[in-house]
Amino acid sequence: MSEQRPTQGTQTLARGLRALELVAQGRDGATIQEVSAQLDVHRSIASRLLATLAEARLVIRGADGRYRTGAGLAALATGIYATLRAAAEPVMRELATDLGATVSLIVDEGSEAVALAVIEPPASGYVLSFRSGSRHPLGRGSAGVALLAARPPAPGEADDVTTARMRGYAATYGEVEPGAYGVAAPLAAIEGVPAACLNLITYRAEVAESAAPALLAAAERISAALR
């Protein structure tokens, strides 16, 4: 019996899945050249594979040319985003209840901060709310600043990013929602896990001013569960 050879379609699918795996497993994603070398294919083929994955929001291309995992993976209910949510949500519920404020899990998607999960406190009073999938530019709001602070120092970076990196969390006021305070703490860098942070938003100054220790402890608990 002759050996059945893979068709062009199945070969392309296999390469695409392998390219996605390479991006997900890389500590800081992967470049077209790195995918090309690992798959032993021409650079143009690697570029097309990554472009197709990007169209499906499974990966995103950063300003530095590197491809990183995208929030579209969450829709598959498997993979690293599902693992990240499963580790984070129980801790987020505790935090939202204890502080009486909305807590979100925000991931770094190249030039944007994207909400992967949002937990509101079980309170009868008015609380700030937004949807999973909401996004805003990195560097804006506490989550955007915290995610930039989780990256290596960059020439010319904003002072609030440098400050956030030094103290371990970011705090802002009115940058995304007028009149709202934001406090965010990045999760530890873990190989194969996208950069993420816990973000708290509230209209209450006293909550924001005292939230950092609890937020940092929660981020460490989630990071420990992912290791």
Foldseek 3Di string as FASTA:
>chain_A
DDDDDDDPVVVLVVLLVVQLVQQLQALNGAALVRSCVVVVHDSVSSVVSVVVCVVLQQWAAAPVRGIHGGLSVVVVCDFQLVVLCVLQVVLQQVLQQVLVAKKFKWFDRRFKIFTQDIDHYPDPDDYDDDDGGDMDGQPFAFFSLQLLLLDPDDPPDDPQSVVCVVVQKGWDACRPPHQKIKIKGWAHRDRSHTTIIMMTIGNDPVSNVPVVVSRNVSSDSSNVSVD
